[in-house]
Amino acid sequence: MVATLSKNGRITIPIKIRKMLNLKAKDKVVLVRRKESIVIKPARDILSLRGVVPVAEGQDFTQIRQQTIKNIGAHNAKE
C-alpha cells in the first residue's frame, strides 16, 4: 500500500490497515524505526513500546536492574 505525505508531514493510514490493527480516531500509534523502514504499532499499553528504544547487543538487564535498584536506594537514603 502507498500513502502520500502531506505538506504538513502527515499521512493517512489506509482503512485496511486501520481495520487490521483495530485503530479508531484518537488512538495512539508507535512508530518504530527498523533500519530503512518504519513499523506502525498500536500503543495500547506499556508493552507496546517494546523495541522503540534501540539497545546495544549483549547487555545484561539483570545487572542493569540491580544497579538501578541500588541507585534508587542510595538516592532515597539521602532524602
N, C-alpha and C. Protein backbone atom coordinates (compact mmCIF):
# COMPACT_ATOMS: atom_id res chain seq x y z
N MET A 1 0.85 -1.19 0.00
CA MET A 1 0.00 0.00 0.00
C MET A 1 0.88 1.23 0.00
N VAL A 2 0.37 2.28 -0.56
CA VAL A 2 1.10 3.54 -0.64
C VAL A 2 0.27 4.62 0.03
N ALA A 3 0.93 5.45 0.83
CA ALA A 3 0.29 6.62 1.45
C ALA A 3 1.09 7.85 1.03
N THR A 4 0.42 8.97 0.88
CA THR A 4 1.07 10.21 0.46
C THR A 4 1.31 11.11 1.65
N LEU A 5 2.49 11.66 1.72
CA LEU A 5 2.85 12.59 2.78
C LEU A 5 2.31 13.97 2.44
N SER A 6 1.58 14.59 3.38
CA SER A 6 1.04 15.93 3.14
C SER A 6 2.14 16.98 3.34
N LYS A 7 1.85 18.21 2.99
CA LYS A 7 2.83 19.28 3.17
C LYS A 7 3.14 19.51 4.65
N ASN A 8 2.24 19.07 5.55
CA ASN A 8 2.46 19.18 6.99
C ASN A 8 3.18 17.96 7.57
N GLY A 9 3.55 17.00 6.71
CA GLY A 9 4.25 15.82 7.16
C GLY A 9 3.34 14.73 7.68
N ARG A 10 2.07 14.79 7.35
CA ARG A 10 1.10 13.80 7.83
C ARG A 10 0.81 12.77 6.75
N ILE A 11 0.46 11.56 7.20
CA ILE A 11 -0.03 10.54 6.29
C ILE A 11 -1.34 10.00 6.84
N THR A 12 -2.15 9.47 5.95
CA THR A 12 -3.37 8.80 6.37
C THR A 12 -3.10 7.31 6.30
N ILE A 13 -3.38 6.63 7.40
CA ILE A 13 -3.22 5.18 7.42
C ILE A 13 -4.41 4.59 6.66
N PRO A 14 -4.14 3.81 5.62
CA PRO A 14 -5.24 3.24 4.83
C PRO A 14 -6.22 2.45 5.70
N ILE A 15 -7.48 2.48 5.30
CA ILE A 15 -8.55 1.85 6.08
C ILE A 15 -8.30 0.37 6.32
N LYS A 16 -7.74 -0.34 5.33
CA LYS A 16 -7.47 -1.77 5.52
C LYS A 16 -6.52 -2.00 6.68
N ILE A 17 -5.51 -1.14 6.80
CA ILE A 17 -4.54 -1.27 7.89
C ILE A 17 -5.17 -0.86 9.21
N ARG A 18 -5.97 0.22 9.20
CA ARG A 18 -6.65 0.63 10.44
C ARG A 18 -7.56 -0.47 10.95
N LYS A 19 -8.27 -1.13 10.06
CA LYS A 19 -9.15 -2.24 10.47
C LYS A 19 -8.32 -3.41 10.98
N MET A 20 -7.23 -3.72 10.27
CA MET A 20 -6.39 -4.84 10.67
C MET A 20 -5.82 -4.63 12.07
N LEU A 21 -5.45 -3.38 12.39
CA LEU A 21 -4.88 -3.05 13.70
C LEU A 21 -5.93 -2.61 14.71
N ASN A 22 -7.21 -2.60 14.28
CA ASN A 22 -8.32 -2.17 15.12
C ASN A 22 -8.09 -0.74 15.65
N LEU A 23 -7.66 0.14 14.77
CA LEU A 23 -7.41 1.54 15.14
C LEU A 23 -8.65 2.39 14.90
N LYS A 24 -8.90 3.27 15.85
CA LYS A 24 -10.03 4.19 15.75
C LYS A 24 -9.51 5.62 15.93
N ALA A 25 -10.36 6.59 15.64
CA ALA A 25 -9.99 8.00 15.80
C ALA A 25 -9.47 8.25 17.21
N LYS A 26 -8.42 9.03 17.33
CA LYS A 26 -7.78 9.42 18.59
C LYS A 26 -6.88 8.34 19.19
N ASP A 27 -6.83 7.14 18.58
CA ASP A 27 -5.91 6.11 19.07
C ASP A 27 -4.47 6.57 18.85
N LYS A 28 -3.59 6.15 19.72
CA LYS A 28 -2.16 6.43 19.59
C LYS A 28 -1.49 5.26 18.89
N VAL A 29 -0.47 5.57 18.10
CA VAL A 29 0.34 4.53 17.49
C VAL A 29 1.81 4.82 17.80
N VAL A 30 2.59 3.77 17.78
CA VAL A 30 4.03 3.88 18.00
C VAL A 30 4.70 3.64 16.65
N LEU A 31 5.64 4.52 16.31
CA LEU A 31 6.43 4.36 15.09
C LEU A 31 7.81 3.88 15.49
N VAL A 32 8.19 2.71 15.01
CA VAL A 32 9.46 2.10 15.37
C VAL A 32 10.33 2.02 14.12
N ARG A 33 11.53 2.58 14.21
CA ARG A 33 12.45 2.53 13.07
C ARG A 33 13.15 1.18 13.05
N ARG A 34 13.12 0.53 11.91
CA ARG A 34 13.79 -0.75 11.68
C ARG A 34 14.66 -0.59 10.44
N LYS A 35 15.91 -0.23 10.66
CA LYS A 35 16.85 0.02 9.56
C LYS A 35 16.27 1.07 8.62
N GLU A 36 15.86 0.67 7.43
CA GLU A 36 15.36 1.62 6.44
C GLU A 36 13.83 1.65 6.35
N SER A 37 13.14 1.13 7.36
CA SER A 37 11.69 1.14 7.33
C SER A 37 11.12 1.55 8.68
N ILE A 38 9.83 1.80 8.70
CA ILE A 38 9.11 2.19 9.90
C ILE A 38 8.00 1.19 10.14
N VAL A 39 7.87 0.72 11.38
CA VAL A 39 6.79 -0.18 11.77
C VAL A 39 5.78 0.64 12.57
N ILE A 40 4.51 0.50 12.24
CA ILE A 40 3.44 1.18 12.97
C ILE A 40 2.76 0.15 13.86
N LYS A 41 2.73 0.45 15.18
CA LYS A 41 2.11 -0.46 16.15
C LYS A 41 1.10 0.32 16.99
N PRO A 42 -0.03 -0.29 17.32
CA PRO A 42 -0.95 0.37 18.24
C PRO A 42 -0.28 0.56 19.60
N ALA A 43 -0.48 1.71 20.22
CA ALA A 43 0.09 1.99 21.55
C ALA A 43 -1.00 1.74 22.58
N ARG A 44 -1.23 0.49 22.89
CA ARG A 44 -2.32 0.13 23.81
C ARG A 44 -1.87 0.09 25.26
N ASP A 45 -0.61 -0.26 25.50
CA ASP A 45 -0.11 -0.33 26.86
C ASP A 45 1.42 -0.17 26.82
N ILE A 46 2.03 -0.22 27.97
CA ILE A 46 3.48 -0.01 28.07
C ILE A 46 4.25 -1.06 27.27
N LEU A 47 3.72 -2.27 27.18
CA LEU A 47 4.43 -3.32 26.45
C LEU A 47 4.48 -3.05 24.95
N SER A 48 3.54 -2.24 24.45
CA SER A 48 3.56 -1.93 23.02
C SER A 48 4.75 -1.04 22.66
N LEU A 49 5.40 -0.47 23.66
CA LEU A 49 6.56 0.38 23.41
C LEU A 49 7.85 -0.43 23.28
N ARG A 50 7.77 -1.74 23.50
CA ARG A 50 8.96 -2.58 23.40
C ARG A 50 9.57 -2.46 22.02
N GLY A 51 10.88 -2.19 22.00
CA GLY A 51 11.59 -2.07 20.75
C GLY A 51 11.72 -0.64 20.25
N VAL A 52 11.08 0.31 20.92
CA VAL A 52 11.14 1.70 20.47
C VAL A 52 12.52 2.29 20.69
N VAL A 53 13.14 1.97 21.82
CA VAL A 53 14.47 2.49 22.13
C VAL A 53 15.51 1.45 21.72
N PRO A 54 16.43 1.83 20.82
CA PRO A 54 17.44 0.86 20.41
C PRO A 54 18.37 0.51 21.57
N VAL A 55 18.74 -0.76 21.65
CA VAL A 55 19.58 -1.26 22.73
C VAL A 55 20.76 -2.00 22.11
N ALA A 56 21.94 -1.75 22.63
CA ALA A 56 23.13 -2.45 22.14
C ALA A 56 23.01 -3.94 22.45
N GLU A 57 23.53 -4.75 21.58
CA GLU A 57 23.50 -6.21 21.77
C GLU A 57 24.33 -6.60 22.99
N GLY A 58 23.93 -7.68 23.64
CA GLY A 58 24.72 -8.25 24.71
C GLY A 58 24.65 -7.55 26.05
N GLN A 59 23.62 -6.75 26.30
CA GLN A 59 23.51 -6.09 27.59
C GLN A 59 22.90 -7.04 28.62
N ASP A 60 23.38 -6.95 29.85
CA ASP A 60 22.90 -7.79 30.94
C ASP A 60 21.84 -7.01 31.71
N PHE A 61 20.57 -7.27 31.41
CA PHE A 61 19.49 -6.50 32.01
C PHE A 61 19.30 -6.81 33.48
N THR A 62 19.69 -7.99 33.93
CA THR A 62 19.62 -8.30 35.36
C THR A 62 20.58 -7.38 36.11
N GLN A 63 21.78 -7.21 35.59
CA GLN A 63 22.76 -6.32 36.21
C GLN A 63 22.29 -4.87 36.15
N ILE A 64 21.74 -4.46 35.02
CA ILE A 64 21.24 -3.08 34.89
C ILE A 64 20.13 -2.83 35.90
N ARG A 65 19.20 -3.79 36.04
CA ARG A 65 18.10 -3.65 37.00
C ARG A 65 18.63 -3.56 38.44
N GLN A 66 19.58 -4.42 38.80
CA GLN A 66 20.15 -4.40 40.15
C GLN A 66 20.85 -3.07 40.42
N GLN A 67 21.57 -2.55 39.44
CA GLN A 67 22.26 -1.26 39.61
C GLN A 67 21.25 -0.13 39.76
N THR A 68 20.17 -0.21 39.00
CA THR A 68 19.12 0.82 39.11
C THR A 68 18.48 0.80 40.49
N ILE A 69 18.17 -0.39 40.99
CA ILE A 69 17.59 -0.50 42.34
C ILE A 69 18.57 0.05 43.38
N LYS A 70 19.84 -0.26 43.22
CA LYS A 70 20.87 0.25 44.15
C LYS A 70 20.92 1.78 44.09
N ASN A 71 20.90 2.34 42.89
CA ASN A 71 20.95 3.80 42.74
C ASN A 71 19.74 4.48 43.34
N ILE A 72 18.57 3.90 43.14
CA ILE A 72 17.34 4.48 43.71
C ILE A 72 17.40 4.41 45.23
N GLY A 73 17.87 3.28 45.76
CA GLY A 73 18.01 3.15 47.21
C GLY A 73 18.97 4.18 47.78
N ALA A 74 20.09 4.40 47.10
CA ALA A 74 21.06 5.39 47.56
C ALA A 74 20.47 6.80 47.50
N HIS A 75 19.72 7.07 46.44
CA HIS A 75 19.08 8.38 46.30
C HIS A 75 18.05 8.60 47.39
N ASN A 76 17.23 7.59 47.67
CA ASN A 76 16.19 7.71 48.71
C ASN A 76 16.81 7.83 50.10
N ALA A 77 17.97 7.20 50.33
CA ALA A 77 18.64 7.28 51.63
C ALA A 77 19.13 8.71 51.92
N LYS A 78 19.46 9.44 50.86
CA LYS A 78 19.93 10.82 51.01
C LYS A 78 18.81 11.77 51.41
N GLU A 79 17.57 11.40 51.09
CA GLU A 79 16.44 12.31 51.36
C GLU A 79 15.99 12.26 52.79
